[in-house]
């Protein structure tokens, strides 16, 4: 860990709530030379997207949604009019 220079590439998390609940064996892998505990904000670094099945949208006369409410309304319409699951996850 020390060779990676966590003080330059990661965020210090020594003062976050419940840090004392972390396992000691784990802490040794994320503690820098200056005794700071470091972490990386992985959840905010992930991207995502929503895909629409174009043939289903075209068959039902739906437009690509631009708001969450439109997206949910389209899903309800797809569920009511077809045997297709309106939302899938990978």
PDB file of N, CA and C in Angstrom:
ATOM      1  N   UNK A   1       0.825  -1.200   0.000  1.00  0.00           N
ATOM      2  CA  UNK A   1       0.000   0.000   0.000  1.00  0.00           C
ATOM      3  C   UNK A   1       0.864   1.256   0.000  1.00  0.00           C
ATOM      4  N   UNK A   2       1.945   1.247   0.753  1.00  0.00           N
ATOM      5  CA  UNK A   2       2.753   2.459   0.878  1.00  0.00           C
ATOM      6  C   UNK A   2       3.332   2.904  -0.457  1.00  0.00           C
ATOM      7  N   UNK A   3       3.697   1.961  -1.327  1.00  0.00           N
ATOM      8  CA  UNK A   3       4.267   2.312  -2.622  1.00  0.00           C
ATOM      9  C   UNK A   3       3.253   2.981  -3.544  1.00  0.00           C
ATOM     10  N   UNK A   4       1.976   2.804  -3.280  1.00  0.00           N
ATOM     11  CA  UNK A   4       0.938   3.386  -4.132  1.00  0.00           C
ATOM     12  C   UNK A   4       0.678   4.856  -3.819  1.00  0.00           C
ATOM     13  N   UNK A   5       1.307   5.381  -2.784  1.00  0.00           N
ATOM     14  CA  UNK A   5       1.121   6.774  -2.369  1.00  0.00           C
ATOM     15  C   UNK A   5      -0.361   7.105  -2.184  1.00  0.00           C
ATOM     16  N   UNK A   6      -1.009   6.414  -1.238  1.00  0.00           N
ATOM     17  CA  UNK A   6      -2.442   6.664  -1.044  1.00  0.00           C
ATOM     18  C   UNK A   6      -2.758   8.113  -0.695  1.00  0.00           C
ATOM     19  N   UNK A   7      -1.784   8.814  -0.107  1.00  0.00           N
ATOM     20  CA  UNK A   7      -2.023  10.219   0.223  1.00  0.00           C
ATOM     21  C   UNK A   7      -2.194  11.082  -1.025  1.00  0.00           C
ATOM     22  N   UNK A   8      -1.817  10.547  -2.191  1.00  0.00           N
ATOM     23  CA  UNK A   8      -1.977  11.277  -3.448  1.00  0.00           C
ATOM     24  C   UNK A   8      -3.113  10.740  -4.319  1.00  0.00           C
ATOM     25  N   UNK A   9      -3.539   9.507  -4.061  1.00  0.00           N
ATOM     26  CA  UNK A   9      -4.513   8.883  -4.965  1.00  0.00           C
ATOM     27  C   UNK A   9      -5.818   8.461  -4.304  1.00  0.00           C
ATOM     28  N   UNK A  10      -5.898   8.555  -2.981  1.00  0.00           N
ATOM     29  CA  UNK A  10      -7.093   8.102  -2.265  1.00  0.00           C
ATOM     30  C   UNK A  10      -7.541   9.167  -1.279  1.00  0.00           C
ATOM     31  N   UNK A  11      -8.680   8.943  -0.658  1.00  0.00           N
ATOM     32  CA  UNK A  11      -9.223   9.882   0.319  1.00  0.00           C
ATOM     33  C   UNK A  11      -8.984   9.369   1.734  1.00  0.00           C
ATOM     34  N   UNK A  12      -8.558  10.240   2.659  1.00  0.00           N
ATOM     35  CA  UNK A  12      -8.437   9.802   4.047  1.00  0.00           C
ATOM     36  C   UNK A  12      -9.827   9.591   4.641  1.00  0.00           C
ATOM     37  N   UNK A  13     -10.015   8.445   5.273  1.00  0.00           N
ATOM     38  CA  UNK A  13     -11.327   8.142   5.871  1.00  0.00           C
ATOM     39  C   UNK A  13     -11.195   7.835   7.358  1.00  0.00           C
ATOM     40  N   UNK A  14     -10.074   8.230   7.959  1.00  0.00           N
ATOM     41  CA  UNK A  14      -9.796   7.938   9.359  1.00  0.00           C
ATOM     42  C   UNK A  14     -10.912   8.432  10.275  1.00  0.00           C
ATOM     43  N   UNK A  15     -11.510   9.558   9.958  1.00  0.00           N
ATOM     44  CA  UNK A  15     -12.494  10.182  10.844  1.00  0.00           C
ATOM     45  C   UNK A  15     -13.949   9.840  10.538  1.00  0.00           C
ATOM     46  N   UNK A  16     -14.208   8.901   9.623  1.00  0.00           N
ATOM     47  CA  UNK A  16     -15.609   8.598   9.325  1.00  0.00           C
ATOM     48  C   UNK A  16     -16.250   7.806  10.460  1.00  0.00           C
ATOM     49  N   UNK A  17     -17.548   7.925  10.537  1.00  0.00           N
ATOM     50  CA  UNK A  17     -18.308   7.232  11.574  1.00  0.00           C
ATOM     51  C   UNK A  17     -18.124   5.717  11.446  1.00  0.00           C
ATOM     52  N   UNK A  18     -17.961   5.046  12.557  1.00  0.00           N
ATOM     53  CA  UNK A  18     -17.857   3.586  12.664  1.00  0.00           C
ATOM     54  C   UNK A  18     -16.576   3.006  12.072  1.00  0.00           C
ATOM     55  N   UNK A  19     -15.547   3.828  11.850  1.00  0.00           N
ATOM     56  CA  UNK A  19     -14.289   3.298  11.321  1.00  0.00           C
ATOM     57  C   UNK A  19     -13.708   2.267  12.278  1.00  0.00           C
ATOM     58  N   UNK A  20     -14.007   2.408  13.559  1.00  0.00           N
ATOM     59  CA  UNK A  20     -13.493   1.471  14.562  1.00  0.00           C
ATOM     60  C   UNK A  20     -14.098   0.078  14.424  1.00  0.00           C
ATOM     61  N   UNK A  21     -15.140  -0.075  13.633  1.00  0.00           N
ATOM     62  CA  UNK A  21     -15.756  -1.388  13.435  1.00  0.00           C
ATOM     63  C   UNK A  21     -15.037  -2.229  12.382  1.00  0.00           C
ATOM     64  N   UNK A  22     -14.103  -1.624  11.641  1.00  0.00           N
ATOM     65  CA  UNK A  22     -13.372  -2.375  10.620  1.00  0.00           C
ATOM     66  C   UNK A  22     -12.443  -3.396  11.267  1.00  0.00           C
ATOM     67  N   UNK A  23     -12.309  -4.535  10.634  1.00  0.00           N
ATOM     68  CA  UNK A  23     -11.444  -5.613  11.094  1.00  0.00           C
ATOM     69  C   UNK A  23      -9.985  -5.151  11.090  1.00  0.00           C
ATOM     70  N   UNK A  24      -9.239  -5.476  12.156  1.00  0.00           N
ATOM     71  CA  UNK A  24      -7.834  -5.066  12.260  1.00  0.00           C
ATOM     72  C   UNK A  24      -6.992  -5.565  11.095  1.00  0.00           C
ATOM     73  N   UNK A  25      -7.231  -6.794  10.645  1.00  0.00           N
ATOM     74  CA  UNK A  25      -6.458  -7.342   9.526  1.00  0.00           C
ATOM     75  C   UNK A  25      -6.692  -6.515   8.263  1.00  0.00           C
ATOM     76  N   UNK A  26      -7.905  -6.064   8.070  1.00  0.00           N
ATOM     77  CA  UNK A  26      -8.215  -5.223   6.914  1.00  0.00           C
ATOM     78  C   UNK A  26      -7.578  -3.842   7.066  1.00  0.00           C
ATOM     79  N   UNK A  27      -7.649  -3.284   8.260  1.00  0.00           N
ATOM     80  CA  UNK A  27      -7.098  -1.945   8.488  1.00  0.00           C
ATOM     81  C   UNK A  27      -5.627  -1.856   8.109  1.00  0.00           C
ATOM     82  N   UNK A  28      -4.874  -2.920   8.351  1.00  0.00           N
ATOM     83  CA  UNK A  28      -3.447  -2.875   8.023  1.00  0.00           C
ATOM     84  C   UNK A  28      -3.219  -2.743   6.521  1.00  0.00           C
ATOM     85  N   UNK A  29      -4.186  -3.146   5.715  1.00  0.00           N
ATOM     86  CA  UNK A  29      -4.024  -3.056   4.260  1.00  0.00           C
ATOM     87  C   UNK A  29      -4.429  -1.698   3.700  1.00  0.00           C
ATOM     88  N   UNK A  30      -5.098  -0.887   4.489  1.00  0.00           N
ATOM     89  CA  UNK A  30      -5.563   0.417   4.007  1.00  0.00           C
ATOM     90  C   UNK A  30      -5.029   1.586   4.829  1.00  0.00           C
ATOM     91  N   UNK A  31      -4.030   1.322   5.658  1.00  0.00           N
ATOM     92  CA  UNK A  31      -3.442   2.364   6.484  1.00  0.00           C
ATOM     93  C   UNK A  31      -2.117   2.810   5.879  1.00  0.00           C
ATOM     94  N   UNK A  32      -1.960   4.103   5.705  1.00  0.00           N
ATOM     95  CA  UNK A  32      -0.742   4.657   5.121  1.00  0.00           C
ATOM     96  C   UNK A  32       0.350   4.836   6.158  1.00  0.00           C
ATOM     97  N   UNK A  33       1.533   5.241   5.710  1.00  0.00           N
ATOM     98  CA  UNK A  33       2.683   5.465   6.599  1.00  0.00           C
ATOM     99  C   UNK A  33       2.386   6.525   7.648  1.00  0.00           C
ATOM    100  N   UNK A  34       1.552   7.464   7.305  1.00  0.00           N
ATOM    101  CA  UNK A  34       1.224   8.547   8.232  1.00  0.00           C
ATOM    102  C   UNK A  34       0.072   8.173   9.165  1.00  0.00           C
ATOM    103  N   UNK A  35      -0.282   6.909   9.215  1.00  0.00           N
ATOM    104  CA  UNK A  35      -1.312   6.331  10.078  1.00  0.00           C
ATOM    105  C   UNK A  35      -2.726   6.764   9.691  1.00  0.00           C
ATOM    106  N   UNK A  36      -2.876   7.419   8.561  1.00  0.00           N
ATOM    107  CA  UNK A  36      -4.212   7.718   8.039  1.00  0.00           C
ATOM    108  C   UNK A  36      -4.774   6.450   7.406  1.00  0.00           C
ATOM    109  N   UNK A  37      -6.077   6.281   7.483  1.00  0.00           N
ATOM    110  CA  UNK A  37      -6.761   5.177   6.808  1.00  0.00           C
ATOM    111  C   UNK A  37      -7.339   5.753   5.522  1.00  0.00           C
ATOM    112  N   UNK A  38      -7.120   5.048   4.403  1.00  0.00           N
ATOM    113  CA  UNK A  38      -7.514   5.568   3.099  1.00  0.00           C
ATOM    114  C   UNK A  38      -8.561   4.694   2.427  1.00  0.00           C
ATOM    115  N   UNK A  39      -9.378   5.320   1.610  1.00  0.00           N
ATOM    116  CA  UNK A  39     -10.385   4.603   0.839  1.00  0.00           C
ATOM    117  C   UNK A  39     -10.610   5.285  -0.497  1.00  0.00           C
ATOM    118  N   UNK A  40     -11.324   4.596  -1.357  1.00  0.00           N
ATOM    119  CA  UNK A  40     -11.641   5.110  -2.684  1.00  0.00           C
ATOM    120  C   UNK A  40     -13.162   5.148  -2.821  1.00  0.00           C
ATOM    121  N   UNK A  41     -13.745   6.264  -3.236  1.00  0.00           N
ATOM    122  CA  UNK A  41     -15.207   6.372  -3.372  1.00  0.00           C
ATOM    123  C   UNK A  41     -15.711   5.631  -4.605  1.00  0.00           C
ATOM    124  N   UNK A  42     -15.789   4.306  -4.518  1.00  0.00           N
ATOM    125  CA  UNK A  42     -16.126   3.520  -5.704  1.00  0.00           C
ATOM    126  C   UNK A  42     -17.566   3.685  -6.162  1.00  0.00           C
ATOM    127  N   UNK A  43     -18.494   3.879  -5.261  1.00  0.00           N
ATOM    128  CA  UNK A  43     -19.900   3.961  -5.663  1.00  0.00           C
ATOM    129  C   UNK A  43     -20.182   5.187  -6.520  1.00  0.00           C
ATOM    130  N   UNK A  44     -19.531   6.286  -6.223  1.00  0.00           N
ATOM    131  CA  UNK A  44     -19.792   7.489  -7.008  1.00  0.00           C
ATOM    132  C   UNK A  44     -19.006   7.504  -8.309  1.00  0.00           C
ATOM    133  N   UNK A  45     -18.120   6.533  -8.474  1.00  0.00           N
ATOM    134  CA  UNK A  45     -17.303   6.498  -9.681  1.00  0.00           C
ATOM    135  C   UNK A  45     -17.894   5.590 -10.752  1.00  0.00           C
ATOM    136  N   UNK A  46     -18.982   4.952 -10.456  1.00  0.00           N
ATOM    137  CA  UNK A  46     -19.575   4.033 -11.417  1.00  0.00           C
ATOM    138  C   UNK A  46     -20.585   4.752 -12.302  1.00  0.00           C
ATOM    139  N   UNK A  47     -20.596   4.360 -13.529  1.00  0.00           N
ATOM    140  CA  UNK A  47     -21.575   4.911 -14.461  1.00  0.00           C
ATOM    141  C   UNK A  47     -22.701   3.913 -14.674  1.00  0.00           C
ATOM    142  N   UNK A  48     -23.723   4.347 -15.267  1.00  0.00           N
ATOM    143  CA  UNK A  48     -24.838   3.453 -15.534  1.00  0.00           C
ATOM    144  C   UNK A  48     -25.708   4.029 -16.627  1.00  0.00           C
ATOM    145  N   UNK A  49     -26.626   3.253 -17.037  1.00  0.00           N
ATOM    146  CA  UNK A  49     -27.522   3.717 -18.075  1.00  0.00           C
ATOM    147  C   UNK A  49     -28.767   2.858 -18.124  1.00  0.00           C
ATOM    148  N   UNK A  50     -29.733   3.307 -18.867  1.00  0.00           N
ATOM    149  CA  UNK A  50     -30.980   2.569 -19.059  1.00  0.00           C
ATOM    150  C   UNK A  50     -31.153   2.357 -20.547  1.00  0.00           C
ATOM    151  N   UNK A  51     -31.405   1.127 -20.917  1.00  0.00           N
ATOM    152  CA  UNK A  51     -31.625   0.784 -22.319  1.00  0.00           C
ATOM    153  C   UNK A  51     -33.105   0.538 -22.558  1.00  0.00           C
ATOM    154  N   UNK A  52     -33.583   0.953 -23.703  1.00  0.00           N
ATOM    155  CA  UNK A  52     -34.970   0.701 -24.100  1.00  0.00           C
ATOM    156  C   UNK A  52     -34.960  -0.257 -25.282  1.00  0.00           C
ATOM    157  N   UNK A  53     -35.857  -1.235 -25.254  1.00  0.00           N
ATOM    158  CA  UNK A  53     -35.971  -2.194 -26.352  1.00  0.00           C
ATOM    159  C   UNK A  53     -36.781  -1.527 -27.457  1.00  0.00           C
ATOM    160  N   UNK A  54     -36.071  -1.070 -28.474  1.00  0.00           N
ATOM    161  CA  UNK A  54     -36.682  -0.261 -29.527  1.00  0.00           C
ATOM    162  C   UNK A  54     -37.874  -0.944 -30.199  1.00  0.00           C
ATOM    163  N   UNK A  55     -37.801  -2.236 -30.563  1.00  0.00           N
ATOM    164  CA  UNK A  55     -38.966  -2.878 -31.190  1.00  0.00           C
ATOM    165  C   UNK A  55     -40.219  -2.849 -30.305  1.00  0.00           C
ATOM    166  N   UNK A  56     -40.041  -3.021 -29.002  1.00  0.00           N
ATOM    167  CA  UNK A  56     -41.192  -2.962 -28.087  1.00  0.00           C
ATOM    168  C   UNK A  56     -41.760  -1.551 -28.047  1.00  0.00           C
ATOM    169  N   UNK A  57     -40.890  -0.568 -27.945  1.00  0.00           N
ATOM    170  CA  UNK A  57     -41.346   0.824 -27.922  1.00  0.00           C
ATOM    171  C   UNK A  57     -42.084   1.178 -29.205  1.00  0.00           C
ATOM    172  N   UNK A  58     -41.535   0.758 -30.340  1.00  0.00           N
ATOM    173  CA  UNK A  58     -42.178   1.061 -31.624  1.00  0.00           C
ATOM    174  C   UNK A  58     -43.519   0.355 -31.750  1.00  0.00           C
ATOM    175  N   UNK A  59     -43.586  -0.915 -31.343  1.00  0.00           N
ATOM    176  CA  UNK A  59     -44.829  -1.679 -31.450  1.00  0.00           C
ATOM    177  C   UNK A  59     -45.941  -1.071 -30.602  1.00  0.00           C
ATOM    178  N   UNK A  60     -45.580  -0.472 -29.484  1.00  0.00           N
ATOM    179  CA  UNK A  60     -46.582   0.116 -28.589  1.00  0.00           C
ATOM    180  C   UNK A  60     -46.750   1.618 -28.794  1.00  0.00           C
ATOM    181  N   UNK A  61     -46.013   2.182 -29.735  1.00  0.00           N
ATOM    182  CA  UNK A  61     -46.122   3.619 -29.992  1.00  0.00           C
ATOM    183  C   UNK A  61     -45.577   4.480 -28.869  1.00  0.00           C
ATOM    184  N   UNK A  62     -44.606   3.967 -28.137  1.00  0.00           N
ATOM    185  CA  UNK A  62     -44.027   4.716 -27.021  1.00  0.00           C
ATOM    186  C   UNK A  62     -42.849   5.556 -27.497  1.00  0.00           C
ATOM    187  N   UNK A  63     -42.651   6.685 -26.825  1.00  0.00           N
ATOM    188  CA  UNK A  63     -41.495   7.528 -27.104  1.00  0.00           C
ATOM    189  C   UNK A  63     -40.430   7.264 -26.046  1.00  0.00           C
ATOM    190  N   UNK A  64     -39.179   7.485 -26.416  1.00  0.00           N
ATOM    191  CA  UNK A  64     -38.088   7.328 -25.457  1.00  0.00           C
ATOM    192  C   UNK A  64     -38.331   8.319 -24.315  1.00  0.00           C
ATOM    193  N   UNK A  65     -38.358   7.849 -23.068  1.00  0.00           N
ATOM    194  CA  UNK A  65     -38.678   8.736 -21.948  1.00  0.00           C
ATOM    195  C   UNK A  65     -37.538   9.701 -21.633  1.00  0.00           C
ATOM    196  N   UNK A  66     -37.906  10.911 -21.287  1.00  0.00           N
ATOM    197  CA  UNK A  66     -36.928  11.922 -20.905  1.00  0.00           C
ATOM    198  C   UNK A  66     -36.978  12.234 -19.421  1.00  0.00           C
ATOM    199  N   UNK A  67     -38.001  11.702 -18.731  1.00  0.00           N
ATOM    200  CA  UNK A  67     -38.116  11.903 -17.287  1.00  0.00           C
ATOM    201  C   UNK A  67     -38.350  10.549 -16.627  1.00  0.00           C
ATOM    202  N   UNK A  68     -38.115  10.500 -15.320  1.00  0.00           N
ATOM    203  CA  UNK A  68     -38.358   9.266 -14.571  1.00  0.00           C
ATOM    204  C   UNK A  68     -39.837   8.896 -14.629  1.00  0.00           C
ATOM    205  N   UNK A  69     -40.713   9.871 -14.507  1.00  0.00           N
ATOM    206  CA  UNK A  69     -42.153   9.594 -14.555  1.00  0.00           C
ATOM    207  C   UNK A  69     -42.555   8.985 -15.896  1.00  0.00           C
ATOM    208  N   UNK A  70     -42.010   9.515 -16.984  1.00  0.00           N
ATOM    209  CA  UNK A  70     -42.301   8.948 -18.310  1.00  0.00           C
ATOM    210  C   UNK A  70     -41.768   7.523 -18.419  1.00  0.00           C
ATOM    211  N   UNK A  71     -40.580   7.299 -17.888  1.00  0.00           N
ATOM    212  CA  UNK A  71     -39.983   5.964 -17.901  1.00  0.00           C
ATOM    213  C   UNK A  71     -40.879   4.969 -17.163  1.00  0.00           C
ATOM    214  N   UNK A  72     -41.347   5.355 -15.981  1.00  0.00           N
ATOM    215  CA  UNK A  72     -42.198   4.465 -15.188  1.00  0.00           C
ATOM    216  C   UNK A  72     -43.552   4.262 -15.859  1.00  0.00           C
ATOM    217  N   UNK A  73     -44.091   5.294 -16.499  1.00  0.00           N
ATOM    218  CA  UNK A  73     -45.361   5.156 -17.220  1.00  0.00           C
ATOM    219  C   UNK A  73     -45.196   4.194 -18.392  1.00  0.00           C
ATOM    220  N   UNK A  74     -44.086   4.299 -19.115  1.00  0.00           N
ATOM    221  CA  UNK A  74     -43.817   3.363 -20.209  1.00  0.00           C
ATOM    222  C   UNK A  74     -43.722   1.935 -19.691  1.00  0.00           C
ATOM    223  N   UNK A  75     -43.053   1.752 -18.560  1.00  0.00           N
ATOM    224  CA  UNK A  75     -42.929   0.413 -17.981  1.00  0.00           C
ATOM    225  C   UNK A  75     -44.294  -0.170 -17.640  1.00  0.00           C
ATOM    226  N   UNK A  76     -45.153   0.644 -17.062  1.00  0.00           N
ATOM    227  CA  UNK A  76     -46.501   0.184 -16.723  1.00  0.00           C
ATOM    228  C   UNK A  76     -47.261  -0.201 -17.987  1.00  0.00           C
ATOM    229  N   UNK A  77     -47.114   0.583 -19.033  1.00  0.00           N
ATOM    230  CA  UNK A  77     -47.787   0.302 -20.307  1.00  0.00           C
ATOM    231  C   UNK A  77     -47.262  -1.004 -20.913  1.00  0.00           C
ATOM    232  N   UNK A  78     -45.951  -1.184 -20.905  1.00  0.00           N
ATOM    233  CA  UNK A  78     -45.352  -2.414 -21.434  1.00  0.00           C
ATOM    234  C   UNK A  78     -45.838  -3.621 -20.647  1.00  0.00           C
ATOM    235  N   UNK A  79     -45.873  -3.508 -19.323  1.00  0.00           N
ATOM    236  CA  UNK A  79     -46.322  -4.622 -18.480  1.00  0.00           C
ATOM    237  C   UNK A  79     -47.783  -4.963 -18.737  1.00  0.00           C
ATOM    238  N   UNK A  80     -48.600  -3.947 -18.978  1.00  0.00           N
ATOM    239  CA  UNK A  80     -50.034  -4.176 -19.195  1.00  0.00           C
ATOM    240  C   UNK A  80     -50.335  -4.741 -20.577  1.00  0.00           C
ATOM    241  N   UNK A  81     -49.534  -4.390 -21.562  1.00  0.00           N
ATOM    242  CA  UNK A  81     -49.849  -4.733 -22.949  1.00  0.00           C
ATOM    243  C   UNK A  81     -49.068  -5.914 -23.524  1.00  0.00           C
ATOM    244  N   UNK A  82     -48.048  -6.375 -22.819  1.00  0.00           N
ATOM    245  CA  UNK A  82     -47.214  -7.452 -23.367  1.00  0.00           C
ATOM    246  C   UNK A  82     -46.871  -8.470 -22.289  1.00  0.00           C
ATOM    247  N   UNK A  83     -46.191  -9.518 -22.701  1.00  0.00           N
ATOM    248  CA  UNK A  83     -45.651 -10.500 -21.757  1.00  0.00           C
ATOM    249  C   UNK A  83     -44.173 -10.227 -21.483  1.00  0.00           C
ATOM    250  N   UNK A  84     -43.700  -9.061 -21.891  1.00  0.00           N
ATOM    251  CA  UNK A  84     -42.299  -8.687 -21.738  1.00  0.00           C
ATOM    252  C   UNK A  84     -42.097  -8.031 -20.376  1.00  0.00           C
ATOM    253  N   UNK A  85     -41.015  -8.406 -19.685  1.00  0.00           N
ATOM    254  CA  UNK A  85     -40.656  -7.715 -18.447  1.00  0.00           C
ATOM    255  C   UNK A  85     -40.144  -6.327 -18.824  1.00  0.00           C
ATOM    256  N   UNK A  86     -40.747  -5.266 -18.304  1.00  0.00           N
ATOM    257  CA  UNK A  86     -40.358  -3.925 -18.723  1.00  0.00           C
ATOM    258  C   UNK A  86     -38.962  -3.505 -18.271  1.00  0.00           C
ATOM    259  N   UNK A  87     -38.460  -4.114 -17.216  1.00  0.00           N
ATOM    260  CA  UNK A  87     -37.136  -3.759 -16.704  1.00  0.00           C
ATOM    261  C   UNK A  87     -36.333  -5.034 -16.502  1.00  0.00           C
ATOM    262  N   UNK A  88     -35.087  -5.014 -16.922  1.00  0.00           N
ATOM    263  CA  UNK A  88     -34.166  -6.123 -16.686  1.00  0.00           C
ATOM    264  C   UNK A  88     -32.905  -5.591 -16.046  1.00  0.00           C
ATOM    265  N   UNK A  89     -32.133  -6.477 -15.447  1.00  0.00           N
ATOM    266  CA  UNK A  89     -30.902  -6.063 -14.784  1.00  0.00           C
ATOM    267  C   UNK A  89     -29.776  -6.998 -15.179  1.00  0.00           C
ATOM    268  N   UNK A  90     -28.597  -6.434 -15.369  1.00  0.00           N
ATOM    269  CA  UNK A  90     -27.419  -7.261 -15.648  1.00  0.00           C
ATOM    270  C   UNK A  90     -26.384  -7.059 -14.585  1.00  0.00           C
TER     271      UNK A  90
END
